[in-house]
Amino acid sequence: MSNCSKAMQEVSRVHSTRRYSWSEKDRRRNPKLQVPYGKEQILKEKLNPHYVAGFIDGEGCFSISIGKHKTLKRGFEVRPEFEIELRKDDQDILERILITIGTGKIYDLSYERYGWYPHAKYKITSIWDMKEYLFPFLDRNPLQAKKAKSYQFFKTIVLMVCDKQHLSDEGFQKIVALRDQLRALGKKAKTFNL
């Protein structure tokens, strides 16, 4: 199998590069799910930052996906994402974590087709919000478990993307190598070879 074929198998299908108008987005969205919302819609008290860091140690997820992108010269994009997913009846704690960190969105994951309890997800996908809010928060309130190592790989990759290092062949290969090390620490231990 060629390196390119391996790369195509690994590509994430989560995001689409197609841009939709608001009316098209509304038609694609499940009307039974709550619209994602951020800190502007939440009126709750902040949590102790050490509690939040401990919560992230236990339930947080740092992930880097590399997906197809039709308009990019390389044909792939680097997509960092930080998230915490819980049952819907614990959504209040996700809202308070969002307020404490200062950015992100809450997503409704109450999909009936999965046959599970309704879930909610707190997610940050903006590299600039990660750089401005998430990283300073976690640097002030360091993680204590093995997720601390995952955070360091994740932060290095995000800052490389912020500095546009992913646009060079050398930078992209370094990001792929770091992403493989990050994945080796978690459940998704597959590699991405070009």
N, C-alpha and C. Protein backbone atom coordinates (compact mmCIF):
# COMPACT_ATOMS: atom_id res chain seq x y z
N MET A 1 0.85 -1.17 0.00
CA MET A 1 0.00 0.00 0.00
C MET A 1 0.90 1.24 0.00
N SER A 2 0.61 2.20 -0.87
CA SER A 2 1.44 3.40 -0.96
C SER A 2 1.21 4.28 0.26
N ASN A 3 2.18 5.17 0.48
CA ASN A 3 2.05 6.10 1.61
C ASN A 3 0.83 6.99 1.44
N CYS A 4 0.57 7.39 0.20
CA CYS A 4 -0.59 8.26 -0.06
C CYS A 4 -1.89 7.52 0.26
N SER A 5 -1.97 6.23 -0.10
CA SER A 5 -3.17 5.44 0.20
C SER A 5 -3.37 5.32 1.69
N LYS A 6 -2.26 5.11 2.42
CA LYS A 6 -2.36 5.04 3.88
C LYS A 6 -2.88 6.35 4.44
N ALA A 7 -2.39 7.45 3.87
CA ALA A 7 -2.82 8.77 4.34
C ALA A 7 -4.32 8.95 4.12
N MET A 8 -4.80 8.50 2.98
CA MET A 8 -6.21 8.66 2.67
C MET A 8 -7.08 7.85 3.63
N GLN A 9 -6.60 6.67 4.06
CA GLN A 9 -7.37 5.87 4.99
C GLN A 9 -7.47 6.55 6.35
N GLU A 10 -6.44 7.29 6.73
CA GLU A 10 -6.39 7.90 8.05
C GLU A 10 -7.19 9.19 8.12
N VAL A 11 -7.49 9.78 7.00
CA VAL A 11 -8.12 11.10 6.94
C VAL A 11 -9.45 11.09 7.69
N SER A 12 -9.65 12.11 8.48
CA SER A 12 -10.89 12.25 9.24
C SER A 12 -12.01 12.69 8.33
N ARG A 13 -13.18 12.11 8.53
CA ARG A 13 -14.34 12.49 7.74
C ARG A 13 -15.30 13.36 8.56
N VAL A 14 -14.83 13.87 9.67
CA VAL A 14 -15.69 14.61 10.59
C VAL A 14 -16.10 15.96 10.01
N HIS A 15 -15.17 16.68 9.42
CA HIS A 15 -15.44 18.02 8.94
C HIS A 15 -15.50 18.04 7.42
N SER A 16 -16.29 18.92 6.89
CA SER A 16 -16.38 19.11 5.45
C SER A 16 -15.73 20.43 5.09
N THR A 17 -15.10 20.49 3.92
CA THR A 17 -14.50 21.75 3.49
C THR A 17 -15.50 22.62 2.75
N ARG A 18 -16.70 22.08 2.45
CA ARG A 18 -17.71 22.84 1.74
C ARG A 18 -18.29 23.90 2.66
N ARG A 19 -18.48 25.08 2.14
CA ARG A 19 -19.08 26.17 2.92
C ARG A 19 -20.58 26.20 2.64
N TYR A 20 -21.37 26.31 3.70
CA TYR A 20 -22.81 26.31 3.57
C TYR A 20 -23.37 27.66 3.95
N SER A 21 -24.49 28.01 3.32
CA SER A 21 -25.20 29.21 3.74
C SER A 21 -25.95 28.86 5.02
N TRP A 22 -26.44 29.87 5.74
CA TRP A 22 -27.15 29.61 6.99
C TRP A 22 -28.36 28.73 6.76
N SER A 23 -29.08 28.96 5.64
CA SER A 23 -30.28 28.16 5.40
C SER A 23 -29.90 26.70 5.14
N GLU A 24 -28.79 26.45 4.43
CA GLU A 24 -28.34 25.08 4.20
C GLU A 24 -27.91 24.43 5.50
N LYS A 25 -27.21 25.19 6.37
CA LYS A 25 -26.79 24.65 7.65
C LYS A 25 -28.00 24.25 8.48
N ASP A 26 -29.05 25.10 8.46
CA ASP A 26 -30.24 24.80 9.23
C ASP A 26 -30.90 23.52 8.76
N ARG A 27 -30.89 23.27 7.44
CA ARG A 27 -31.50 22.06 6.91
C ARG A 27 -30.68 20.82 7.28
N ARG A 28 -29.37 20.96 7.40
CA ARG A 28 -28.49 19.83 7.73
C ARG A 28 -28.56 19.48 9.21
N ARG A 29 -28.89 20.44 10.07
CA ARG A 29 -28.89 20.27 11.50
C ARG A 29 -30.10 19.49 11.98
N ASN A 30 -29.91 18.64 12.95
CA ASN A 30 -31.03 17.91 13.54
C ASN A 30 -31.84 18.89 14.38
N PRO A 31 -33.11 19.14 14.01
CA PRO A 31 -33.90 20.14 14.74
C PRO A 31 -34.19 19.76 16.18
N LYS A 32 -34.01 18.48 16.53
CA LYS A 32 -34.26 18.04 17.90
C LYS A 32 -33.10 18.40 18.83
N LEU A 33 -31.93 18.70 18.26
CA LEU A 33 -30.76 19.02 19.08
C LEU A 33 -30.71 20.51 19.38
N GLN A 34 -30.25 20.82 20.56
CA GLN A 34 -30.07 22.21 20.97
C GLN A 34 -28.93 22.82 20.16
N VAL A 35 -29.06 24.09 19.80
CA VAL A 35 -28.02 24.81 19.05
C VAL A 35 -26.81 24.99 19.98
N PRO A 36 -25.56 24.79 19.46
CA PRO A 36 -24.37 25.03 20.31
C PRO A 36 -24.37 26.45 20.88
N TYR A 37 -23.88 26.60 22.10
CA TYR A 37 -23.86 27.92 22.72
C TYR A 37 -22.58 28.11 23.52
N GLY A 38 -22.24 29.39 23.77
CA GLY A 38 -21.01 29.74 24.46
C GLY A 38 -21.24 30.53 25.73
N LYS A 39 -20.18 31.20 26.18
CA LYS A 39 -20.21 31.87 27.48
C LYS A 39 -21.24 33.00 27.55
N GLU A 40 -21.61 33.58 26.41
CA GLU A 40 -22.58 34.68 26.41
C GLU A 40 -23.94 34.22 26.92
N GLN A 41 -24.26 32.94 26.75
CA GLN A 41 -25.56 32.41 27.16
C GLN A 41 -25.54 31.72 28.53
N ILE A 42 -24.41 31.72 29.20
CA ILE A 42 -24.29 30.99 30.47
C ILE A 42 -24.12 31.98 31.62
N LEU A 43 -24.99 31.89 32.60
CA LEU A 43 -24.91 32.74 33.79
C LEU A 43 -24.67 31.85 35.00
N LYS A 44 -23.43 31.41 35.14
CA LYS A 44 -23.07 30.51 36.24
C LYS A 44 -21.76 31.00 36.86
N GLU A 45 -21.50 30.51 38.06
CA GLU A 45 -20.27 30.86 38.76
C GLU A 45 -19.11 30.01 38.25
N LYS A 46 -17.91 30.60 38.32
CA LYS A 46 -16.70 29.87 37.97
C LYS A 46 -16.43 28.80 39.03
N LEU A 47 -15.67 27.80 38.61
CA LEU A 47 -15.24 26.75 39.53
C LEU A 47 -13.82 27.03 40.01
N ASN A 48 -13.40 26.34 41.05
CA ASN A 48 -12.01 26.41 41.48
C ASN A 48 -11.15 25.88 40.32
N PRO A 49 -10.14 26.64 39.88
CA PRO A 49 -9.34 26.21 38.74
C PRO A 49 -8.62 24.88 38.95
N HIS A 50 -8.26 24.56 40.20
CA HIS A 50 -7.62 23.27 40.47
C HIS A 50 -8.59 22.11 40.25
N TYR A 51 -9.86 22.36 40.59
CA TYR A 51 -10.90 21.35 40.33
C TYR A 51 -11.03 21.11 38.83
N VAL A 52 -11.03 22.19 38.05
CA VAL A 52 -11.16 22.08 36.59
C VAL A 52 -9.97 21.32 36.01
N ALA A 53 -8.76 21.64 36.47
CA ALA A 53 -7.57 20.92 35.99
C ALA A 53 -7.67 19.43 36.31
N GLY A 54 -8.14 19.10 37.50
CA GLY A 54 -8.33 17.70 37.86
C GLY A 54 -9.39 17.03 37.00
N PHE A 55 -10.43 17.77 36.70
CA PHE A 55 -11.50 17.25 35.84
C PHE A 55 -10.97 16.96 34.44
N ILE A 56 -10.13 17.87 33.93
CA ILE A 56 -9.52 17.67 32.61
C ILE A 56 -8.60 16.46 32.65
N ASP A 57 -7.84 16.30 33.73
CA ASP A 57 -6.98 15.12 33.89
C ASP A 57 -7.79 13.83 33.72
N GLY A 58 -9.01 13.83 34.26
CA GLY A 58 -9.82 12.62 34.21
C GLY A 58 -10.68 12.47 32.97
N GLU A 59 -11.26 13.57 32.48
CA GLU A 59 -12.27 13.47 31.42
C GLU A 59 -11.91 14.23 30.14
N GLY A 60 -10.88 15.06 30.16
CA GLY A 60 -10.55 15.86 28.99
C GLY A 60 -9.91 15.05 27.88
N CYS A 61 -9.98 15.58 26.67
CA CYS A 61 -9.40 14.91 25.51
C CYS A 61 -8.73 15.95 24.61
N PHE A 62 -7.45 15.75 24.35
CA PHE A 62 -6.70 16.58 23.41
C PHE A 62 -6.52 15.75 22.14
N SER A 63 -7.02 16.24 21.01
CA SER A 63 -6.87 15.46 19.78
C SER A 63 -6.46 16.34 18.61
N ILE A 64 -5.71 15.73 17.73
CA ILE A 64 -5.28 16.37 16.48
C ILE A 64 -5.70 15.45 15.35
N SER A 65 -6.57 15.95 14.48
CA SER A 65 -6.92 15.15 13.31
C SER A 65 -6.30 15.81 12.08
N ILE A 66 -5.98 14.99 11.12
CA ILE A 66 -5.43 15.47 9.86
C ILE A 66 -6.41 15.02 8.79
N GLY A 67 -7.06 15.99 8.17
CA GLY A 67 -8.14 15.65 7.24
C GLY A 67 -7.95 16.26 5.87
N LYS A 68 -8.69 15.70 4.92
CA LYS A 68 -8.68 16.22 3.55
C LYS A 68 -9.18 17.65 3.53
N HIS A 69 -8.60 18.43 2.67
CA HIS A 69 -9.06 19.81 2.46
C HIS A 69 -8.80 20.16 1.00
N LYS A 70 -9.87 20.29 0.23
CA LYS A 70 -9.75 20.47 -1.22
C LYS A 70 -9.05 21.75 -1.64
N THR A 71 -9.15 22.79 -0.84
CA THR A 71 -8.61 24.08 -1.28
C THR A 71 -7.19 24.35 -0.80
N LEU A 72 -6.66 23.50 0.05
CA LEU A 72 -5.29 23.71 0.52
C LEU A 72 -4.30 23.06 -0.43
N LYS A 73 -3.15 23.70 -0.62
CA LYS A 73 -2.12 23.22 -1.53
C LYS A 73 -1.69 21.78 -1.19
N ARG A 74 -1.51 21.49 0.08
CA ARG A 74 -1.07 20.17 0.51
C ARG A 74 -2.19 19.14 0.37
N GLY A 75 -3.44 19.61 0.43
CA GLY A 75 -4.58 18.69 0.35
C GLY A 75 -5.04 18.18 1.71
N PHE A 76 -4.35 18.55 2.77
CA PHE A 76 -4.70 18.13 4.13
C PHE A 76 -4.66 19.35 5.05
N GLU A 77 -5.48 19.29 6.10
CA GLU A 77 -5.43 20.33 7.12
C GLU A 77 -5.25 19.69 8.48
N VAL A 78 -4.67 20.46 9.39
CA VAL A 78 -4.44 20.02 10.76
C VAL A 78 -5.55 20.63 11.62
N ARG A 79 -6.32 19.76 12.32
CA ARG A 79 -7.46 20.23 13.10
C ARG A 79 -7.31 19.85 14.57
N PRO A 80 -6.84 20.76 15.41
CA PRO A 80 -6.76 20.48 16.85
C PRO A 80 -8.14 20.65 17.50
N GLU A 81 -8.37 19.87 18.55
CA GLU A 81 -9.63 19.96 19.26
C GLU A 81 -9.44 19.53 20.71
N PHE A 82 -9.99 20.34 21.62
CA PHE A 82 -10.03 19.98 23.04
C PHE A 82 -11.49 19.76 23.39
N GLU A 83 -11.79 18.68 24.12
CA GLU A 83 -13.18 18.43 24.47
C GLU A 83 -13.31 17.64 25.76
N ILE A 84 -14.49 17.81 26.35
CA ILE A 84 -14.92 17.00 27.49
C ILE A 84 -16.36 16.60 27.19
N GLU A 85 -16.63 15.31 27.22
CA GLU A 85 -17.99 14.82 26.96
C GLU A 85 -18.52 14.10 28.19
N LEU A 86 -19.75 14.45 28.57
CA LEU A 86 -20.40 13.86 29.74
C LEU A 86 -21.86 13.57 29.42
N ARG A 87 -22.51 12.82 30.30
CA ARG A 87 -23.95 12.64 30.16
C ARG A 87 -24.64 13.99 30.31
N LYS A 88 -25.76 14.13 29.65
CA LYS A 88 -26.50 15.40 29.62
C LYS A 88 -26.87 15.88 31.02
N ASP A 89 -27.10 14.96 31.95
CA ASP A 89 -27.48 15.38 33.29
C ASP A 89 -26.31 16.00 34.06
N ASP A 90 -25.10 15.98 33.49
CA ASP A 90 -23.94 16.68 34.06
C ASP A 90 -23.56 17.92 33.24
N GLN A 91 -24.45 18.39 32.39
CA GLN A 91 -24.14 19.54 31.52
C GLN A 91 -23.80 20.79 32.33
N ASP A 92 -24.39 20.95 33.49
CA ASP A 92 -24.13 22.13 34.33
C ASP A 92 -22.64 22.27 34.63
N ILE A 93 -21.97 21.16 34.90
CA ILE A 93 -20.53 21.22 35.22
C ILE A 93 -19.73 21.63 33.98
N LEU A 94 -20.16 21.18 32.80
CA LEU A 94 -19.48 21.60 31.56
C LEU A 94 -19.62 23.10 31.35
N GLU A 95 -20.79 23.63 31.64
CA GLU A 95 -21.02 25.08 31.50
C GLU A 95 -20.12 25.85 32.46
N ARG A 96 -19.97 25.36 33.68
CA ARG A 96 -19.13 26.04 34.66
C ARG A 96 -17.65 25.92 34.29
N ILE A 97 -17.25 24.80 33.68
CA ILE A 97 -15.87 24.66 33.20
C ILE A 97 -15.62 25.66 32.08
N LEU A 98 -16.59 25.80 31.16
CA LEU A 98 -16.47 26.77 30.07
C LEU A 98 -16.28 28.18 30.63
N ILE A 99 -17.11 28.55 31.60
CA ILE A 99 -17.01 29.89 32.21
C ILE A 99 -15.65 30.07 32.89
N THR A 100 -15.15 29.04 33.54
CA THR A 100 -13.87 29.13 34.25
C THR A 100 -12.72 29.29 33.28
N ILE A 101 -12.72 28.53 32.17
CA ILE A 101 -11.64 28.66 31.18
C ILE A 101 -11.82 29.92 30.35
N GLY A 102 -13.07 30.26 30.02
CA GLY A 102 -13.35 31.52 29.35
C GLY A 102 -13.66 31.43 27.87
N THR A 103 -13.73 30.24 27.31
CA THR A 103 -14.03 30.10 25.88
C THR A 103 -14.54 28.70 25.58
N GLY A 104 -15.05 28.53 24.37
CA GLY A 104 -15.54 27.23 23.92
C GLY A 104 -17.04 27.25 23.70
N LYS A 105 -17.58 26.09 23.37
CA LYS A 105 -19.02 25.94 23.13
C LYS A 105 -19.49 24.62 23.76
N ILE A 106 -20.78 24.59 24.09
CA ILE A 106 -21.44 23.39 24.59
C ILE A 106 -22.30 22.84 23.45
N TYR A 107 -22.16 21.55 23.18
CA TYR A 107 -22.90 20.89 22.11
C TYR A 107 -23.81 19.82 22.68
N ASP A 108 -25.00 19.73 22.14
CA ASP A 108 -25.97 18.72 22.51
C ASP A 108 -25.70 17.47 21.69
N LEU A 109 -25.52 16.33 22.34
CA LEU A 109 -25.27 15.06 21.65
C LEU A 109 -26.37 14.05 21.97
N SER A 110 -27.58 14.50 21.99
CA SER A 110 -28.70 13.63 22.35
C SER A 110 -29.23 12.90 21.11
N TYR A 111 -28.38 12.09 20.51
CA TYR A 111 -28.75 11.36 19.30
C TYR A 111 -29.48 10.08 19.67
N GLU A 112 -30.73 9.96 19.29
CA GLU A 112 -31.52 8.77 19.63
C GLU A 112 -30.97 7.53 18.94
N ARG A 113 -30.40 7.69 17.74
CA ARG A 113 -29.98 6.52 16.96
C ARG A 113 -28.86 5.73 17.64
N TYR A 114 -28.11 6.37 18.57
CA TYR A 114 -27.02 5.67 19.23
C TYR A 114 -27.51 4.80 20.38
N GLY A 115 -28.73 5.02 20.84
CA GLY A 115 -29.28 4.21 21.91
C GLY A 115 -28.57 4.40 23.23
N TRP A 116 -28.01 5.56 23.47
CA TRP A 116 -27.32 5.81 24.73
C TRP A 116 -28.03 6.95 25.45
N TYR A 117 -27.59 7.18 26.68
CA TYR A 117 -28.13 8.32 27.40
C TYR A 117 -27.75 9.59 26.66
N PRO A 118 -28.59 10.61 26.71
CA PRO A 118 -28.21 11.89 26.08
C PRO A 118 -26.89 12.40 26.67
N HIS A 119 -26.05 12.98 25.81
CA HIS A 119 -24.75 13.50 26.21
C HIS A 119 -24.64 14.98 25.85
N ALA A 120 -23.68 15.64 26.46
CA ALA A 120 -23.30 17.01 26.11
C ALA A 120 -21.79 17.06 26.00
N LYS A 121 -21.30 17.96 25.16
CA LYS A 121 -19.86 18.07 24.95
C LYS A 121 -19.43 19.54 25.05
N TYR A 122 -18.36 19.78 25.80
CA TYR A 122 -17.70 21.08 25.83
C TYR A 122 -16.53 20.96 24.89
N LYS A 123 -16.40 21.92 23.96
CA LYS A 123 -15.38 21.80 22.93
C LYS A 123 -14.76 23.16 22.60
N ILE A 124 -13.43 23.13 22.38
CA ILE A 124 -12.70 24.29 21.86
C ILE A 124 -12.01 23.83 20.58
N THR A 125 -12.28 24.51 19.47
CA THR A 125 -11.65 24.14 18.20
C THR A 125 -10.80 25.27 17.61
N SER A 126 -10.96 26.48 18.11
CA SER A 126 -10.19 27.61 17.59
C SER A 126 -8.77 27.59 18.16
N ILE A 127 -7.77 27.57 17.27
CA ILE A 127 -6.38 27.58 17.75
C ILE A 127 -6.08 28.87 18.49
N TRP A 128 -6.74 29.95 18.09
CA TRP A 128 -6.49 31.25 18.74
C TRP A 128 -7.10 31.27 20.14
N ASP A 129 -8.27 30.65 20.32
CA ASP A 129 -8.86 30.55 21.66
C ASP A 129 -8.03 29.63 22.55
N MET A 130 -7.48 28.59 21.96
CA MET A 130 -6.60 27.71 22.74
C MET A 130 -5.38 28.49 23.22
N LYS A 131 -4.80 29.26 22.31
CA LYS A 131 -3.60 30.03 22.66
C LYS A 131 -3.89 31.12 23.69
N GLU A 132 -5.05 31.77 23.57
CA GLU A 132 -5.37 32.88 24.46
C GLU A 132 -5.99 32.46 25.80
N TYR A 133 -6.76 31.37 25.81
CA TYR A 133 -7.48 30.99 27.02
C TYR A 133 -7.05 29.65 27.62
N LEU A 134 -7.10 28.60 26.80
CA LEU A 134 -6.85 27.26 27.33
C LEU A 134 -5.41 27.07 27.82
N PHE A 135 -4.44 27.44 27.00
CA PHE A 135 -3.04 27.21 27.37
C PHE A 135 -2.63 28.02 28.61
N PRO A 136 -2.97 29.32 28.68
CA PRO A 136 -2.62 30.04 29.92
C PRO A 136 -3.30 29.42 31.16
N PHE A 137 -4.55 28.96 30.98
CA PHE A 137 -5.25 28.33 32.11
C PHE A 137 -4.51 27.08 32.57
N LEU A 138 -4.14 26.21 31.62
CA LEU A 138 -3.48 24.95 32.00
C LEU A 138 -2.03 25.16 32.41
N ASP A 139 -1.40 26.21 31.95
CA ASP A 139 -0.04 26.51 32.41
C ASP A 139 -0.06 27.03 33.85
N ARG A 140 -1.11 27.76 34.21
CA ARG A 140 -1.25 28.25 35.60
C ARG A 140 -1.72 27.15 36.54
N ASN A 141 -2.48 26.19 35.99
CA ASN A 141 -3.06 25.10 36.78
C ASN A 141 -2.67 23.78 36.13
N PRO A 142 -1.43 23.35 36.30
CA PRO A 142 -0.91 22.20 35.55
C PRO A 142 -1.65 20.90 35.83
N LEU A 143 -1.76 20.10 34.77
CA LEU A 143 -2.32 18.76 34.90
C LEU A 143 -1.32 17.90 35.67
N GLN A 144 -1.83 16.91 36.40
CA GLN A 144 -0.98 16.10 37.27
C GLN A 144 -0.84 14.65 36.80
N ALA A 145 -1.78 14.16 36.01
CA ALA A 145 -1.75 12.77 35.57
C ALA A 145 -1.03 12.66 34.23
N LYS A 146 -1.12 11.47 33.59
CA LYS A 146 -0.42 11.26 32.32
C LYS A 146 -0.92 12.18 31.22
N LYS A 147 -2.10 12.76 31.40
CA LYS A 147 -2.63 13.69 30.41
C LYS A 147 -1.76 14.95 30.30
N ALA A 148 -0.92 15.21 31.29
CA ALA A 148 0.00 16.35 31.23
C ALA A 148 0.94 16.22 30.03
N LYS A 149 1.37 14.99 29.75
CA LYS A 149 2.26 14.75 28.61
C LYS A 149 1.50 14.95 27.29
N SER A 150 0.25 14.49 27.25
CA SER A 150 -0.60 14.70 26.07
C SER A 150 -0.78 16.19 25.82
N TYR A 151 -1.01 16.94 26.89
CA TYR A 151 -1.19 18.39 26.77
C TYR A 151 0.05 19.03 26.15
N GLN A 152 1.24 18.63 26.55
CA GLN A 152 2.46 19.23 26.01
C GLN A 152 2.60 18.98 24.50
N PHE A 153 2.31 17.75 24.05
CA PHE A 153 2.33 17.46 22.61
C PHE A 153 1.29 18.31 21.89
N PHE A 154 0.09 18.36 22.44
CA PHE A 154 -1.02 19.11 21.85
C PHE A 154 -0.67 20.59 21.73
N LYS A 155 -0.18 21.16 22.81
CA LYS A 155 0.16 22.59 22.82
C LYS A 155 1.24 22.89 21.79
N THR A 156 2.26 22.04 21.70
CA THR A 156 3.35 22.25 20.73
C THR A 156 2.79 22.27 19.31
N ILE A 157 1.90 21.33 19.00
CA ILE A 157 1.32 21.27 17.66
C ILE A 157 0.49 22.51 17.37
N VAL A 158 -0.37 22.89 18.30
CA VAL A 158 -1.23 24.06 18.09
C VAL A 158 -0.40 25.32 17.87
N LEU A 159 0.64 25.50 18.68
CA LEU A 159 1.48 26.69 18.51
C LEU A 159 2.23 26.65 17.18
N MET A 160 2.60 25.46 16.70
CA MET A 160 3.21 25.34 15.37
C MET A 160 2.22 25.76 14.28
N VAL A 161 0.96 25.36 14.44
CA VAL A 161 -0.07 25.75 13.47
C VAL A 161 -0.30 27.26 13.54
N CYS A 162 -0.32 27.82 14.74
CA CYS A 162 -0.48 29.28 14.89
C CYS A 162 0.65 30.02 14.16
N ASP A 163 1.85 29.44 14.20
CA ASP A 163 3.01 30.04 13.54
C ASP A 163 3.13 29.64 12.07
N LYS A 164 2.10 28.93 11.55
CA LYS A 164 2.04 28.49 10.15
C LYS A 164 3.14 27.52 9.75
N GLN A 165 3.72 26.83 10.73
CA GLN A 165 4.76 25.85 10.42
C GLN A 165 4.21 24.63 9.69
N HIS A 166 2.92 24.39 9.80
CA HIS A 166 2.30 23.25 9.13
C HIS A 166 2.26 23.41 7.61
N LEU A 167 2.56 24.61 7.12
CA LEU A 167 2.52 24.88 5.69
C LEU A 167 3.78 24.39 4.97
N SER A 168 4.87 24.19 5.72
CA SER A 168 6.10 23.67 5.10
C SER A 168 6.11 22.15 5.22
N ASP A 169 6.83 21.48 4.31
CA ASP A 169 6.93 20.02 4.37
C ASP A 169 7.55 19.56 5.69
N GLU A 170 8.61 20.25 6.08
CA GLU A 170 9.31 19.88 7.32
C GLU A 170 8.40 20.06 8.54
N GLY A 171 7.71 21.19 8.60
CA GLY A 171 6.80 21.45 9.72
C GLY A 171 5.66 20.47 9.77
N PHE A 172 5.08 20.15 8.60
CA PHE A 172 3.97 19.21 8.54
C PHE A 172 4.41 17.83 9.02
N GLN A 173 5.58 17.38 8.57
CA GLN A 173 6.09 16.07 9.00
C GLN A 173 6.34 16.04 10.51
N LYS A 174 6.83 17.15 11.04
CA LYS A 174 7.07 17.22 12.49
C LYS A 174 5.74 17.15 13.25
N ILE A 175 4.72 17.83 12.72
CA ILE A 175 3.40 17.79 13.35
C ILE A 175 2.84 16.36 13.31
N VAL A 176 3.00 15.68 12.18
CA VAL A 176 2.53 14.29 12.07
C VAL A 176 3.23 13.41 13.10
N ALA A 177 4.54 13.59 13.25
CA ALA A 177 5.30 12.80 14.22
C ALA A 177 4.84 13.09 15.65
N LEU A 178 4.62 14.37 15.97
CA LEU A 178 4.15 14.73 17.31
C LEU A 178 2.74 14.21 17.55
N ARG A 179 1.91 14.28 16.51
CA ARG A 179 0.53 13.78 16.62
C ARG A 179 0.54 12.27 16.88
N ASP A 180 1.45 11.55 16.23
CA ASP A 180 1.56 10.10 16.47
C ASP A 180 1.97 9.82 17.91
N GLN A 181 2.86 10.63 18.46
CA GLN A 181 3.26 10.46 19.86
C GLN A 181 2.08 10.76 20.79
N LEU A 182 1.31 11.78 20.46
CA LEU A 182 0.12 12.12 21.24
C LEU A 182 -0.88 10.96 21.22
N ARG A 183 -1.12 10.41 20.05
CA ARG A 183 -2.07 9.30 19.91
C ARG A 183 -1.58 8.05 20.63
N ALA A 184 -0.27 7.84 20.65
CA ALA A 184 0.28 6.65 21.32
C ALA A 184 -0.02 6.68 22.82
N LEU A 185 -0.25 7.85 23.37
CA LEU A 185 -0.57 7.98 24.80
C LEU A 185 -2.03 7.66 25.09
N GLY A 186 -2.86 7.66 24.06
CA GLY A 186 -4.30 7.46 24.27
C GLY A 186 -4.81 6.21 23.59
N LYS A 187 -6.10 6.23 23.31
CA LYS A 187 -6.77 5.07 22.73
C LYS A 187 -6.50 4.92 21.24
N LYS A 188 -6.27 6.03 20.54
CA LYS A 188 -6.10 5.99 19.09
C LYS A 188 -4.62 5.90 18.76
N ALA A 189 -4.07 4.74 18.77
CA ALA A 189 -2.63 4.56 18.61
C ALA A 189 -2.20 4.28 17.18
N LYS A 190 -3.06 4.55 16.17
CA LYS A 190 -2.67 4.37 14.79
C LYS A 190 -1.75 5.50 14.36
N THR A 191 -0.95 5.28 13.34
CA THR A 191 -0.06 6.32 12.86
C THR A 191 -0.52 6.83 11.51
N PHE A 192 -0.01 7.98 11.12
CA PHE A 192 -0.34 8.63 9.86
C PHE A 192 0.95 8.71 9.06
N ASN A 193 1.08 7.92 8.02
CA ASN A 193 2.29 7.90 7.22
C ASN A 193 2.04 8.52 5.87
N LEU A 194 2.97 9.31 5.42
CA LEU A 194 2.86 9.91 4.07
C LEU A 194 3.81 9.23 3.15
